[in-house]
PDB file of N, CA and C in Angstrom:
ATOM      1  N   MET A   1      10.017 -24.119  13.160  1.00  0.00           N
ATOM      2  CA  MET A   1       9.888 -23.629  11.169  1.00  0.00           C
ATOM      3  C   MET A   1       8.526 -24.581  10.827  1.00  0.00           C
ATOM      4  N   LYS A   2       7.997 -25.974  11.200  1.00  0.00           N
ATOM      5  CA  LYS A   2       7.383 -26.450  10.821  1.00  0.00           C
ATOM      6  C   LYS A   2       6.378 -26.334  11.783  1.00  0.00           C
ATOM      7  N   GLU A   3       6.533 -25.889  13.356  1.00  0.00           N
ATOM      8  CA  GLU A   3       5.829 -25.732  14.060  1.00  0.00           C
ATOM      9  C   GLU A   3       4.857 -24.463  13.497  1.00  0.00           C
ATOM     10  N   LEU A   4       5.837 -23.468  12.970  1.00  0.00           N
ATOM     11  CA  LEU A   4       4.843 -22.073  12.671  1.00  0.00           C
ATOM     12  C   LEU A   4       4.001 -22.618  11.348  1.00  0.00           C
ATOM     13  N   GLU A   5       4.597 -23.132  10.623  1.00  0.00           N
ATOM     14  CA  GLU A   5       3.475 -23.312   9.174  1.00  0.00           C
ATOM     15  C   GLU A   5       2.762 -24.304   9.520  1.00  0.00           C
ATOM     16  N   SER A   6       2.328 -25.114  10.415  1.00  0.00           N
ATOM     17  CA  SER A   6       1.358 -25.377  10.474  1.00  0.00           C
ATOM     18  C   SER A   6       0.290 -24.726  11.126  1.00  0.00           C
ATOM     19  N   LEU A   7       1.196 -23.809  12.247  1.00  0.00           N
ATOM     20  CA  LEU A   7       0.083 -22.624  13.070  1.00  0.00           C
ATOM     21  C   LEU A   7      -0.511 -22.150  11.733  1.00  0.00           C
ATOM     22  N   ILE A   8       0.194 -21.774  10.960  1.00  0.00           N
ATOM     23  CA  ILE A   8      -0.744 -20.635   9.443  1.00  0.00           C
ATOM     24  C   ILE A   8      -1.187 -21.101   8.858  1.00  0.00           C
ATOM     25  N   GLU A   9      -0.538 -22.574   8.976  1.00  0.00           N
ATOM     26  CA  GLU A   9      -2.301 -23.258   7.676  1.00  0.00           C
ATOM     27  C   GLU A   9      -3.384 -22.982   8.662  1.00  0.00           C
ATOM     28  N   ALA A  10      -3.357 -23.232  10.157  1.00  0.00           N
ATOM     29  CA  ALA A  10      -5.055 -24.119  10.765  1.00  0.00           C
ATOM     30  C   ALA A  10      -5.266 -21.886  10.408  1.00  0.00           C
ATOM     31  N   LEU A  11      -4.544 -21.142  10.686  1.00  0.00           N
ATOM     32  CA  LEU A  11      -5.068 -20.142  10.906  1.00  0.00           C
ATOM     33  C   LEU A  11      -5.858 -19.697   9.555  1.00  0.00           C
ATOM     34  N   GLU A  12      -5.173 -19.993   8.462  1.00  0.00           N
ATOM     35  CA  GLU A  12      -5.744 -19.720   7.035  1.00  0.00           C
ATOM     36  C   GLU A  12      -6.619 -20.800   7.391  1.00  0.00           C
ATOM     37  N   GLN A  13      -7.371 -21.880   7.544  1.00  0.00           N
ATOM     38  CA  GLN A  13      -8.208 -22.664   7.125  1.00  0.00           C
ATOM     39  C   GLN A  13      -9.644 -22.141   7.714  1.00  0.00           C
ATOM     40  N   GLY A  14      -9.559 -21.184   8.547  1.00  0.00           N
ATOM     41  CA  GLY A  14     -10.740 -20.430   9.511  1.00  0.00           C
ATOM     42  C   GLY A  14     -11.723 -21.867  10.592  1.00  0.00           C
ATOM     43  N   ASP A  15     -11.069 -22.869  10.928  1.00  0.00           N
ATOM     44  CA  ASP A  15     -11.772 -23.864  11.520  1.00  0.00           C
ATOM     45  C   ASP A  15     -11.570 -23.734  12.772  1.00  0.00           C
ATOM     46  N   LEU A  16     -10.403 -22.746  13.133  1.00  0.00           N
ATOM     47  CA  LEU A  16     -10.509 -22.494  15.023  1.00  0.00           C
ATOM     48  C   LEU A  16     -11.308 -21.631  15.479  1.00  0.00           C
ATOM     49  N   SER A  17     -11.520 -21.653  16.752  1.00  0.00           N
ATOM     50  CA  SER A  17     -12.784 -21.011  17.781  1.00  0.00           C
ATOM     51  C   SER A  17     -11.403 -19.461  17.510  1.00  0.00           C
ATOM     52  N   LEU A  18     -12.135 -18.830  17.504  1.00  0.00           N
ATOM     53  CA  LEU A  18     -11.764 -17.270  18.374  1.00  0.00           C
ATOM     54  C   LEU A  18     -10.248 -17.465  19.341  1.00  0.00           C
ATOM     55  N   GLU A  19     -10.904 -17.928  20.503  1.00  0.00           N
ATOM     56  CA  GLU A  19     -10.070 -18.402  21.307  1.00  0.00           C
ATOM     57  C   GLU A  19      -8.374 -19.546  20.857  1.00  0.00           C
ATOM     58  N   ALA A  20      -9.260 -20.750  20.283  1.00  0.00           N
ATOM     59  CA  ALA A  20      -8.054 -21.498  19.634  1.00  0.00           C
ATOM     60  C   ALA A  20      -6.791 -20.569  18.665  1.00  0.00           C
ATOM     61  N   SER A  21      -7.735 -19.163  17.959  1.00  0.00           N
ATOM     62  CA  SER A  21      -7.233 -18.213  16.341  1.00  0.00           C
ATOM     63  C   SER A  21      -6.064 -17.927  17.488  1.00  0.00           C
ATOM     64  N   LEU A  22      -7.161 -17.206  18.635  1.00  0.00           N
ATOM     65  CA  LEU A  22      -5.795 -15.896  19.570  1.00  0.00           C
ATOM     66  C   LEU A  22      -4.339 -16.782  19.729  1.00  0.00           C
ATOM     67  N   GLN A  23      -4.288 -17.625  20.265  1.00  0.00           N
ATOM     68  CA  GLN A  23      -3.616 -19.085  21.143  1.00  0.00           C
ATOM     69  C   GLN A  23      -2.631 -18.944  19.866  1.00  0.00           C
ATOM     70  N   SER A  24      -2.811 -19.460  18.807  1.00  0.00           N
ATOM     71  CA  SER A  24      -2.435 -19.934  17.650  1.00  0.00           C
ATOM     72  C   SER A  24      -1.633 -18.747  17.368  1.00  0.00           C
ATOM     73  N   PHE A  25      -1.537 -17.856  16.852  1.00  0.00           N
ATOM     74  CA  PHE A  25      -1.571 -16.033  16.516  1.00  0.00           C
ATOM     75  C   PHE A  25      -0.614 -15.651  18.101  1.00  0.00           C
ATOM     76  N   GLU A  26      -0.738 -15.863  19.521  1.00  0.00           N
ATOM     77  CA  GLU A  26       0.292 -15.295  19.625  1.00  0.00           C
ATOM     78  C   GLU A  26       1.225 -16.278  20.010  1.00  0.00           C
ATOM     79  N   ARG A  27       1.680 -17.581  19.728  1.00  0.00           N
ATOM     80  CA  ARG A  27       2.244 -18.896  18.968  1.00  0.00           C
ATOM     81  C   ARG A  27       3.015 -18.495  18.256  1.00  0.00           C
ATOM     82  N   GLY A  28       2.688 -18.112  17.480  1.00  0.00           N
ATOM     83  CA  GLY A  28       3.053 -17.548  15.546  1.00  0.00           C
ATOM     84  C   GLY A  28       4.252 -16.905  15.821  1.00  0.00           C
ATOM     85  N   VAL A  29       3.552 -15.734  16.763  1.00  0.00           N
ATOM     86  CA  VAL A  29       4.103 -14.222  16.977  1.00  0.00           C
ATOM     87  C   VAL A  29       5.389 -14.986  18.131  1.00  0.00           C
ATOM     88  N   ALA A  30       5.155 -16.030  18.481  1.00  0.00           N
ATOM     89  CA  ALA A  30       6.562 -16.115  19.718  1.00  0.00           C
ATOM     90  C   ALA A  30       7.467 -16.499  18.637  1.00  0.00           C
ATOM     91  N   LEU A  31       7.292 -17.414  18.152  1.00  0.00           N
ATOM     92  CA  LEU A  31       8.230 -18.200  16.877  1.00  0.00           C
ATOM     93  C   LEU A  31       8.931 -17.262  15.988  1.00  0.00           C
ATOM     94  N   THR A  32       7.592 -16.063  15.222  1.00  0.00           N
ATOM     95  CA  THR A  32       8.179 -15.793  14.676  1.00  0.00           C
ATOM     96  C   THR A  32       9.544 -15.171  14.860  1.00  0.00           C
ATOM     97  N   ARG A  33       9.527 -14.331  16.798  1.00  0.00           N
ATOM     98  CA  ARG A  33      10.613 -14.131  17.126  1.00  0.00           C
ATOM     99  C   ARG A  33      11.881 -14.691  16.762  1.00  0.00           C
ATOM    100  N   ILE A  34      11.668 -15.916  17.666  1.00  0.00           N
ATOM    101  CA  ILE A  34      12.478 -16.948  18.216  1.00  0.00           C
ATOM    102  C   ILE A  34      13.834 -17.523  16.575  1.00  0.00           C
ATOM    103  N   CYS A  35      12.816 -17.034  15.257  1.00  0.00           N
ATOM    104  CA  CYS A  35      13.121 -17.619  14.747  1.00  0.00           C
ATOM    105  C   CYS A  35      14.147 -16.500  13.768  1.00  0.00           C
ATOM    106  N   GLN A  36      13.211 -14.930  13.630  1.00  0.00           N
ATOM    107  CA  GLN A  36      14.268 -13.929  13.753  1.00  0.00           C
ATOM    108  C   GLN A  36      15.714 -13.643  14.739  1.00  0.00           C
ATOM    109  N   ALA A  37      15.523 -13.956  15.895  1.00  0.00           N
ATOM    110  CA  ALA A  37      16.471 -13.610  16.878  1.00  0.00           C
ATOM    111  C   ALA A  37      17.958 -14.693  15.806  1.00  0.00           C
ATOM    112  N   SER A  38      17.158 -15.731  15.282  1.00  0.00           N
ATOM    113  CA  SER A  38      18.228 -17.355  14.940  1.00  0.00           C
ATOM    114  C   SER A  38      18.733 -16.841  13.807  1.00  0.00           C
ATOM    115  N   LEU A  39      18.085 -15.819  12.528  1.00  0.00           N
ATOM    116  CA  LEU A  39      18.982 -15.090  11.722  1.00  0.00           C
ATOM    117  C   LEU A  39      19.726 -14.338  12.299  1.00  0.00           C
ATOM    118  N   GLN A  40      19.340 -13.176  12.956  1.00  0.00           N
ATOM    119  CA  GLN A  40      20.253 -12.331  13.137  1.00  0.00           C
ATOM    120  C   GLN A  40      21.322 -13.053  13.967  1.00  0.00           C
ATOM    121  N   GLU A  41      21.737 -14.117  14.230  1.00  0.00           N
ATOM    122  CA  GLU A  41      22.977 -14.831  14.386  1.00  0.00           C
ATOM    123  C   GLU A  41      23.702 -15.127  13.938  1.00  0.00           C
ATOM    124  N   ALA A  42      22.488 -16.019  13.162  1.00  0.00           N
ATOM    125  CA  ALA A  42      23.916 -16.549  11.774  1.00  0.00           C
ATOM    126  C   ALA A  42      24.398 -16.029  10.822  1.00  0.00           C
ATOM    127  N   GLU A  43      23.661 -14.691  10.685  1.00  0.00           N
ATOM    128  CA  GLU A  43      23.952 -13.403  10.021  1.00  0.00           C
ATOM    129  C   GLU A  43      24.841 -12.573  10.148  1.00  0.00           C
ATOM    130  N   GLN A  44      25.591 -12.570  12.159  1.00  0.00           N
ATOM    131  CA  GLN A  44      26.337 -12.084  12.944  1.00  0.00           C
ATOM    132  C   GLN A  44      27.242 -12.873  12.550  1.00  0.00           C
ATOM    133  N   LYS A  45      27.024 -14.630  12.388  1.00  0.00           N
ATOM    134  CA  LYS A  45      28.368 -15.007  12.851  1.00  0.00           C
ATOM    135  C   LYS A  45      29.050 -14.928  11.340  1.00  0.00           C
ATOM    136  N   ILE A  46      27.909 -15.498  10.425  1.00  0.00           N
ATOM    137  CA  ILE A  46      28.895 -14.745   8.652  1.00  0.00           C
ATOM    138  C   ILE A  46      29.347 -13.691   8.343  1.00  0.00           C
ATOM    139  N   ARG A  47      28.952 -12.452   8.823  1.00  0.00           N
ATOM    140  CA  ARG A  47      29.618 -11.547   8.995  1.00  0.00           C
ATOM    141  C   ARG A  47      31.608 -10.962  10.170  1.00  0.00           C
ATOM    142  N   ILE A  48      31.428 -12.541  11.030  1.00  0.00           N
ATOM    143  CA  ILE A  48      32.367 -12.803  12.008  1.00  0.00           C
ATOM    144  C   ILE A  48      33.303 -13.407  11.233  1.00  0.00           C
ATOM    145  N   LEU A  49      33.131 -14.498  10.223  1.00  0.00           N
ATOM    146  CA  LEU A  49      33.609 -15.640   9.664  1.00  0.00           C
ATOM    147  C   LEU A  49      34.327 -14.470   8.258  1.00  0.00           C
ATOM    148  N   ASN A  50      33.278 -13.825   7.928  1.00  0.00           N
ATOM    149  CA  ASN A  50      33.901 -12.884   6.377  1.00  0.00           C
ATOM    150  C   ASN A  50      34.701 -11.827   6.985  1.00  0.00           C
ATOM    151  N   GLY A  51      35.159 -11.463   7.687  1.00  0.00           N
ATOM    152  CA  GLY A  51      35.461 -10.664   8.608  1.00  0.00           C
ATOM    153  C   GLY A  51      35.033  -9.034   8.678  1.00  0.00           C
ATOM    154  N   GLU A  52      34.102  -9.196   8.180  1.00  0.00           N
ATOM    155  CA  GLU A  52      33.236  -7.907   7.991  1.00  0.00           C
ATOM    156  C   GLU A  52      32.964  -7.403   8.763  1.00  0.00           C
ATOM    157  N   THR A  53      33.087  -6.269   8.741  1.00  0.00           N
ATOM    158  CA  THR A  53      32.277  -5.008  10.215  1.00  0.00           C
ATOM    159  C   THR A  53      30.637  -4.891  10.003  1.00  0.00           C
ATOM    160  N   GLN A  54      30.320  -3.972  11.292  1.00  0.00           N
ATOM    161  CA  GLN A  54      28.951  -4.148  11.236  1.00  0.00           C
ATOM    162  C   GLN A  54      28.290  -3.328  10.627  1.00  0.00           C
ATOM    163  N   THR A  55      29.436  -2.440   9.660  1.00  0.00           N
ATOM    164  CA  THR A  55      28.614  -1.148   9.200  1.00  0.00           C
ATOM    165  C   THR A  55      28.465  -1.565   7.504  1.00  0.00           C
ATOM    166  N   SER A  56      28.890  -2.777   7.176  1.00  0.00           N
ATOM    167  CA  SER A  56      28.786  -3.418   6.205  1.00  0.00           C
ATOM    168  C   SER A  56      27.417  -3.590   5.784  1.00  0.00           C
ATOM    169  N   GLU A  57      26.958  -4.030   4.458  1.00  0.00           N
ATOM    170  CA  GLU A  57      25.531  -3.776   4.219  1.00  0.00           C
ATOM    171  C   GLU A  57      25.570  -5.653   4.005  1.00  0.00           C
ATOM    172  N   LEU A  58      24.362  -6.290   4.086  1.00  0.00           N
ATOM    173  CA  LEU A  58      24.214  -7.251   3.771  1.00  0.00           C
ATOM    174  C   LEU A  58      23.296  -7.027   2.632  1.00  0.00           C
ATOM    175  N   GLU A  59      23.531  -8.886   1.936  1.00  0.00           N
ATOM    176  CA  GLU A  59      23.128  -8.356   0.199  1.00  0.00           C
ATOM    177  C   GLU A  59      21.518  -9.383   0.315  1.00  0.00           C
ATOM    178  N   SER A  60      20.796  -9.148  -0.860  1.00  0.00           N
ATOM    179  CA  SER A  60      19.134  -9.616  -0.036  1.00  0.00           C
ATOM    180  C   SER A  60      19.565 -11.511  -0.704  1.00  0.00           C
ATOM    181  N   PHE A  61      18.256 -12.197   0.083  1.00  0.00           N
ATOM    182  CA  PHE A  61      19.122 -13.307  -0.377  1.00  0.00           C
ATOM    183  C   PHE A  61      17.245 -14.140  -0.164  1.00  0.00           C
ATOM    184  N   THR A  62      17.588 -14.270  -2.013  1.00  0.00           N
ATOM    185  CA  THR A  62      16.362 -14.606  -2.676  1.00  0.00           C
ATOM    186  C   THR A  62      16.035 -16.654  -2.293  1.00  0.00           C
ATOM    187  N   ASP A  63      14.800 -17.025  -1.550  1.00  0.00           N
ATOM    188  CA  ASP A  63      14.681 -17.954  -1.827  1.00  0.00           C
ATOM    189  C   ASP A  63      14.635 -19.174  -2.869  1.00  0.00           C
ATOM    190  N   ASP A  64      14.897 -19.639  -3.485  1.00  0.00           N
ATOM    191  CA  ASP A  64      14.396 -20.282  -4.948  1.00  0.00           C
ATOM    192  C   ASP A  64      12.765 -21.590  -4.663  1.00  0.00           C
ATOM    193  N   ASN A  65      13.311 -21.492  -2.928  1.00  0.00           N
ATOM    194  CA  ASN A  65      11.851 -22.692  -2.137  1.00  0.00           C
ATOM    195  C   ASN A  65      10.185 -21.794  -2.972  1.00  0.00           C
ATOM    196  N   GLU A  66      10.302 -20.610  -2.689  1.00  0.00           N
ATOM    197  CA  GLU A  66       8.608 -20.386  -2.461  1.00  0.00           C
ATOM    198  C   GLU A  66       8.238 -19.778  -3.632  1.00  0.00           C
TER     199      GLU A  66
END
């Protein structure tokens, strides 16, 4: 997650070359996919622990740190 945040910060600063920006973007997309997969896995574990079925609806999560 920290690497993804660093990539976003570097891209937002706008000091990277086009090639470096593209590489950072590609790495960011890959990291985002990894994070999404980890989140889905965690959600599935929570469903199992709570005894819920796959048809159960998930509640929205609000991160108070944002």
